[in-house]
Amino acid sequence: MNQDTNMLALVKGTERYVFLYTAANRAEMLRTLGRFASNPELSFSWYDAAVLSQKIRQESMKSHSSSHDAKPSSSPILPHQKRYHFPVTDEKDVR
């Protein structure tokens, strides 16, 4: 497993948020972003948490794909791809 230290930084006016994490504690980092966003005493918003979470996931996908020579058997679902396919129904079919 890759033990490189990753850094995320966010500047909001005079405030600075700097986060350090490794692949091993990525899930804890995501939870921390949520805790910061839910703290009304901080200017850190849910939007900030969403943007930084996306950056963490992108970095994870990038490091995962670069650590394997062969293409993974199942590729990740991208935001523009549908995960489920449901049949289209008419309003009369919905009760």
N, C-alpha and C. Protein backbone atom coordinates (compact mmCIF):
# COMPACT_ATOMS: atom_id res chain seq x y z
N MET A 1 0.84 -1.18 0.00
CA MET A 1 0.00 0.00 0.00
C MET A 1 0.89 1.24 0.00
N ASN A 2 0.48 2.24 -0.69
CA ASN A 2 1.22 3.48 -0.80
C ASN A 2 1.08 4.28 0.50
N GLN A 3 2.20 4.63 1.15
CA GLN A 3 2.16 5.39 2.39
C GLN A 3 2.60 6.83 2.20
N ASP A 4 2.50 7.36 0.97
CA ASP A 4 2.82 8.75 0.74
C ASP A 4 1.83 9.62 1.50
N THR A 5 2.32 10.74 1.99
CA THR A 5 1.46 11.70 2.68
C THR A 5 0.89 12.68 1.65
N ASN A 6 -0.41 12.80 1.65
CA ASN A 6 -1.11 13.73 0.76
C ASN A 6 -1.49 14.97 1.55
N MET A 7 -1.54 16.10 0.86
CA MET A 7 -1.91 17.35 1.50
C MET A 7 -3.01 18.03 0.71
N LEU A 8 -4.01 18.53 1.42
CA LEU A 8 -5.06 19.37 0.86
C LEU A 8 -5.03 20.69 1.62
N ALA A 9 -5.17 21.76 0.91
CA ALA A 9 -5.19 23.08 1.57
C ALA A 9 -6.35 23.89 1.02
N LEU A 10 -6.98 24.64 1.91
CA LEU A 10 -8.08 25.52 1.54
C LEU A 10 -7.86 26.86 2.23
N VAL A 11 -7.91 27.93 1.47
CA VAL A 11 -7.77 29.28 2.01
C VAL A 11 -9.12 29.97 1.89
N LYS A 12 -9.64 30.42 3.01
CA LYS A 12 -10.92 31.15 3.04
C LYS A 12 -10.68 32.46 3.77
N GLY A 13 -10.47 33.51 3.01
CA GLY A 13 -10.18 34.80 3.61
C GLY A 13 -8.86 34.74 4.36
N THR A 14 -8.93 34.98 5.66
CA THR A 14 -7.71 34.93 6.48
C THR A 14 -7.49 33.55 7.10
N GLU A 15 -8.45 32.65 6.93
CA GLU A 15 -8.33 31.31 7.51
C GLU A 15 -7.65 30.35 6.54
N ARG A 16 -6.91 29.43 7.10
CA ARG A 16 -6.22 28.40 6.32
C ARG A 16 -6.59 27.03 6.90
N TYR A 17 -7.04 26.15 6.02
CA TYR A 17 -7.31 24.77 6.42
C TYR A 17 -6.31 23.89 5.67
N VAL A 18 -5.50 23.14 6.40
CA VAL A 18 -4.51 22.26 5.81
C VAL A 18 -4.75 20.86 6.37
N PHE A 19 -4.93 19.91 5.48
CA PHE A 19 -5.21 18.53 5.86
C PHE A 19 -4.11 17.62 5.31
N LEU A 20 -3.58 16.75 6.15
CA LEU A 20 -2.60 15.75 5.74
C LEU A 20 -3.21 14.38 5.97
N TYR A 21 -3.04 13.48 5.01
CA TYR A 21 -3.59 12.14 5.14
C TYR A 21 -2.80 11.17 4.27
N THR A 22 -2.92 9.90 4.59
CA THR A 22 -2.33 8.83 3.78
C THR A 22 -3.46 7.96 3.25
N ALA A 23 -3.12 7.03 2.40
CA ALA A 23 -4.14 6.12 1.86
C ALA A 23 -4.78 5.32 2.99
N ALA A 24 -4.01 5.01 4.02
CA ALA A 24 -4.51 4.20 5.13
C ALA A 24 -5.57 4.94 5.95
N ASN A 25 -5.49 6.28 6.03
CA ASN A 25 -6.47 7.01 6.83
C ASN A 25 -7.36 7.92 5.99
N ARG A 26 -7.53 7.57 4.71
CA ARG A 26 -8.37 8.36 3.80
C ARG A 26 -9.83 8.42 4.29
N ALA A 27 -10.37 7.31 4.75
CA ALA A 27 -11.77 7.29 5.23
C ALA A 27 -11.93 8.21 6.43
N GLU A 28 -10.97 8.21 7.33
CA GLU A 28 -11.03 9.11 8.49
C GLU A 28 -10.94 10.57 8.05
N MET A 29 -10.16 10.83 7.02
CA MET A 29 -10.04 12.19 6.49
C MET A 29 -11.39 12.67 5.95
N LEU A 30 -12.10 11.80 5.23
CA LEU A 30 -13.41 12.15 4.70
C LEU A 30 -14.40 12.45 5.84
N ARG A 31 -14.34 11.66 6.91
CA ARG A 31 -15.21 11.91 8.06
C ARG A 31 -14.86 13.24 8.73
N THR A 32 -13.57 13.55 8.79
CA THR A 32 -13.12 14.81 9.37
C THR A 32 -13.67 16.00 8.60
N LEU A 33 -13.68 15.90 7.27
CA LEU A 33 -14.25 16.98 6.46
C LEU A 33 -15.72 17.20 6.82
N GLY A 34 -16.45 16.12 7.03
CA GLY A 34 -17.84 16.23 7.43
C GLY A 34 -18.00 16.85 8.80
N ARG A 35 -17.14 16.50 9.74
CA ARG A 35 -17.20 17.09 11.08
C ARG A 35 -16.91 18.59 11.03
N PHE A 36 -15.92 18.96 10.21
CA PHE A 36 -15.60 20.39 10.08
C PHE A 36 -16.80 21.13 9.46
N ALA A 37 -17.41 20.55 8.46
CA ALA A 37 -18.54 21.21 7.78
C ALA A 37 -19.74 21.37 8.71
N SER A 38 -19.93 20.43 9.62
CA SER A 38 -21.08 20.49 10.52
C SER A 38 -20.82 21.37 11.75
N ASN A 39 -19.61 21.89 11.89
CA ASN A 39 -19.27 22.73 13.03
C ASN A 39 -19.63 24.19 12.71
N PRO A 40 -20.64 24.74 13.38
CA PRO A 40 -21.07 26.12 13.07
C PRO A 40 -20.04 27.18 13.46
N GLU A 41 -19.06 26.82 14.26
CA GLU A 41 -18.03 27.79 14.66
C GLU A 41 -16.95 27.97 13.59
N LEU A 42 -16.96 27.12 12.57
CA LEU A 42 -15.98 27.21 11.50
C LEU A 42 -16.63 27.78 10.24
N SER A 43 -15.82 28.40 9.42
CA SER A 43 -16.33 28.90 8.14
C SER A 43 -16.30 27.80 7.08
N PHE A 44 -15.82 26.63 7.43
CA PHE A 44 -15.72 25.49 6.53
C PHE A 44 -17.13 24.99 6.22
N SER A 45 -17.52 25.02 4.94
CA SER A 45 -18.89 24.70 4.55
C SER A 45 -19.00 23.28 3.99
N TRP A 46 -20.25 22.86 3.78
CA TRP A 46 -20.48 21.56 3.15
C TRP A 46 -19.98 21.57 1.71
N TYR A 47 -20.04 22.71 1.06
CA TYR A 47 -19.49 22.81 -0.29
C TYR A 47 -17.98 22.58 -0.25
N ASP A 48 -17.30 23.19 0.71
CA ASP A 48 -15.86 22.97 0.86
C ASP A 48 -15.56 21.49 1.07
N ALA A 49 -16.35 20.86 1.94
CA ALA A 49 -16.16 19.43 2.21
C ALA A 49 -16.37 18.60 0.95
N ALA A 50 -17.38 18.95 0.15
CA ALA A 50 -17.66 18.20 -1.07
C ALA A 50 -16.53 18.34 -2.08
N VAL A 51 -16.02 19.55 -2.24
CA VAL A 51 -14.93 19.79 -3.20
C VAL A 51 -13.67 19.03 -2.77
N LEU A 52 -13.32 19.13 -1.50
CA LEU A 52 -12.11 18.45 -1.02
C LEU A 52 -12.29 16.93 -1.04
N SER A 53 -13.49 16.44 -0.74
CA SER A 53 -13.76 15.00 -0.82
C SER A 53 -13.56 14.49 -2.24
N GLN A 54 -14.03 15.26 -3.20
CA GLN A 54 -13.86 14.87 -4.60
C GLN A 54 -12.38 14.82 -4.96
N LYS A 55 -11.60 15.76 -4.48
CA LYS A 55 -10.16 15.76 -4.74
C LYS A 55 -9.50 14.53 -4.12
N ILE A 56 -9.93 14.15 -2.92
CA ILE A 56 -9.39 12.96 -2.27
C ILE A 56 -9.72 11.72 -3.09
N ARG A 57 -10.95 11.62 -3.56
CA ARG A 57 -11.35 10.45 -4.36
C ARG A 57 -10.60 10.41 -5.70
N GLN A 58 -10.43 11.57 -6.32
CA GLN A 58 -9.68 11.60 -7.59
C GLN A 58 -8.23 11.18 -7.38
N GLU A 59 -7.62 11.64 -6.33
CA GLU A 59 -6.24 11.26 -6.02
C GLU A 59 -6.15 9.76 -5.73
N SER A 60 -7.15 9.23 -5.04
CA SER A 60 -7.18 7.81 -4.74
C SER A 60 -7.27 6.98 -6.02
N MET A 61 -8.14 7.41 -6.94
CA MET A 61 -8.28 6.69 -8.20
C MET A 61 -7.00 6.78 -9.02
N LYS A 62 -6.37 7.94 -9.00
CA LYS A 62 -5.14 8.14 -9.77
C LYS A 62 -4.02 7.28 -9.20
N SER A 63 -3.86 7.26 -7.89
CA SER A 63 -2.79 6.47 -7.29
C SER A 63 -3.08 4.98 -7.42
N HIS A 64 -4.35 4.61 -7.36
CA HIS A 64 -4.71 3.20 -7.51
C HIS A 64 -4.39 2.71 -8.93
N SER A 65 -4.73 3.51 -9.93
CA SER A 65 -4.49 3.10 -11.31
C SER A 65 -3.01 3.11 -11.65
N SER A 66 -2.23 4.01 -11.05
CA SER A 66 -0.80 4.03 -11.34
C SER A 66 -0.05 2.94 -10.61
N SER A 67 -0.64 2.36 -9.55
CA SER A 67 0.03 1.31 -8.81
C SER A 67 -0.18 -0.07 -9.43
N HIS A 68 -1.05 -0.17 -10.43
CA HIS A 68 -1.31 -1.43 -11.11
C HIS A 68 -0.92 -1.29 -12.58
N ASP A 69 -0.14 -2.25 -13.06
CA ASP A 69 0.23 -2.21 -14.47
C ASP A 69 -0.94 -2.58 -15.36
N ALA A 70 -1.68 -3.58 -14.95
CA ALA A 70 -2.83 -4.03 -15.74
C ALA A 70 -4.06 -3.22 -15.36
N LYS A 71 -4.96 -3.08 -16.30
CA LYS A 71 -6.20 -2.36 -16.05
C LYS A 71 -7.06 -3.18 -15.09
N PRO A 72 -7.66 -2.55 -14.07
CA PRO A 72 -8.50 -3.30 -13.14
C PRO A 72 -9.66 -3.96 -13.87
N SER A 73 -10.12 -5.08 -13.31
CA SER A 73 -11.20 -5.82 -13.96
C SER A 73 -12.51 -5.05 -13.95
N SER A 74 -12.73 -4.25 -12.93
CA SER A 74 -13.93 -3.43 -12.91
C SER A 74 -13.53 -1.97 -12.74
N SER A 75 -13.88 -1.17 -13.71
CA SER A 75 -13.50 0.24 -13.66
C SER A 75 -14.50 1.00 -12.79
N PRO A 76 -14.06 2.09 -12.14
CA PRO A 76 -14.97 2.86 -11.29
C PRO A 76 -16.06 3.54 -12.11
N ILE A 77 -17.18 3.77 -11.46
CA ILE A 77 -18.29 4.45 -12.12
C ILE A 77 -18.05 5.95 -12.01
N LEU A 78 -18.03 6.61 -13.13
CA LEU A 78 -17.81 8.05 -13.16
C LEU A 78 -19.12 8.78 -12.91
N PRO A 79 -19.04 10.04 -12.45
CA PRO A 79 -20.27 10.77 -12.11
C PRO A 79 -21.29 10.86 -13.25
N HIS A 80 -20.84 10.89 -14.49
CA HIS A 80 -21.77 11.03 -15.60
C HIS A 80 -22.34 9.69 -16.06
N GLN A 81 -21.86 8.59 -15.47
CA GLN A 81 -22.37 7.27 -15.85
C GLN A 81 -23.48 6.85 -14.89
N LYS A 82 -24.44 6.12 -15.42
CA LYS A 82 -25.53 5.63 -14.57
C LYS A 82 -25.10 4.32 -13.93
N ARG A 83 -25.40 4.20 -12.66
CA ARG A 83 -25.06 2.98 -11.93
C ARG A 83 -26.14 1.93 -12.14
N TYR A 84 -27.38 2.35 -12.18
CA TYR A 84 -28.50 1.44 -12.34
C TYR A 84 -29.30 1.83 -13.57
N HIS A 85 -29.90 0.84 -14.18
CA HIS A 85 -30.74 1.09 -15.35
C HIS A 85 -32.15 0.61 -15.00
N PHE A 86 -33.08 1.55 -14.91
CA PHE A 86 -34.45 1.22 -14.59
C PHE A 86 -35.31 1.38 -15.84
N PRO A 87 -36.30 0.52 -16.00
CA PRO A 87 -37.18 0.67 -17.17
C PRO A 87 -38.02 1.93 -17.04
N VAL A 88 -38.28 2.55 -18.16
CA VAL A 88 -39.13 3.74 -18.18
C VAL A 88 -40.57 3.28 -18.08
N THR A 89 -41.31 3.92 -17.19
CA THR A 89 -42.71 3.54 -17.01
C THR A 89 -43.60 4.74 -17.31
N ASP A 90 -44.81 4.47 -17.70
CA ASP A 90 -45.81 5.52 -17.88
C ASP A 90 -46.40 5.86 -16.53
N GLU A 91 -47.03 7.04 -16.43
CA GLU A 91 -47.65 7.43 -15.18
C GLU A 91 -48.72 6.44 -14.75
N LYS A 92 -49.39 5.81 -15.71
CA LYS A 92 -50.45 4.87 -15.35
C LYS A 92 -49.87 3.62 -14.69
N ASP A 93 -48.56 3.34 -14.91
CA ASP A 93 -47.93 2.19 -14.28
C ASP A 93 -47.53 2.46 -12.83
N VAL A 94 -47.50 3.71 -12.43
CA VAL A 94 -47.09 4.08 -11.08
C VAL A 94 -48.33 4.22 -10.22
N ARG A 95 -48.39 3.50 -9.14
CA ARG A 95 -49.58 3.56 -8.25
C ARG A 95 -49.15 3.84 -6.85
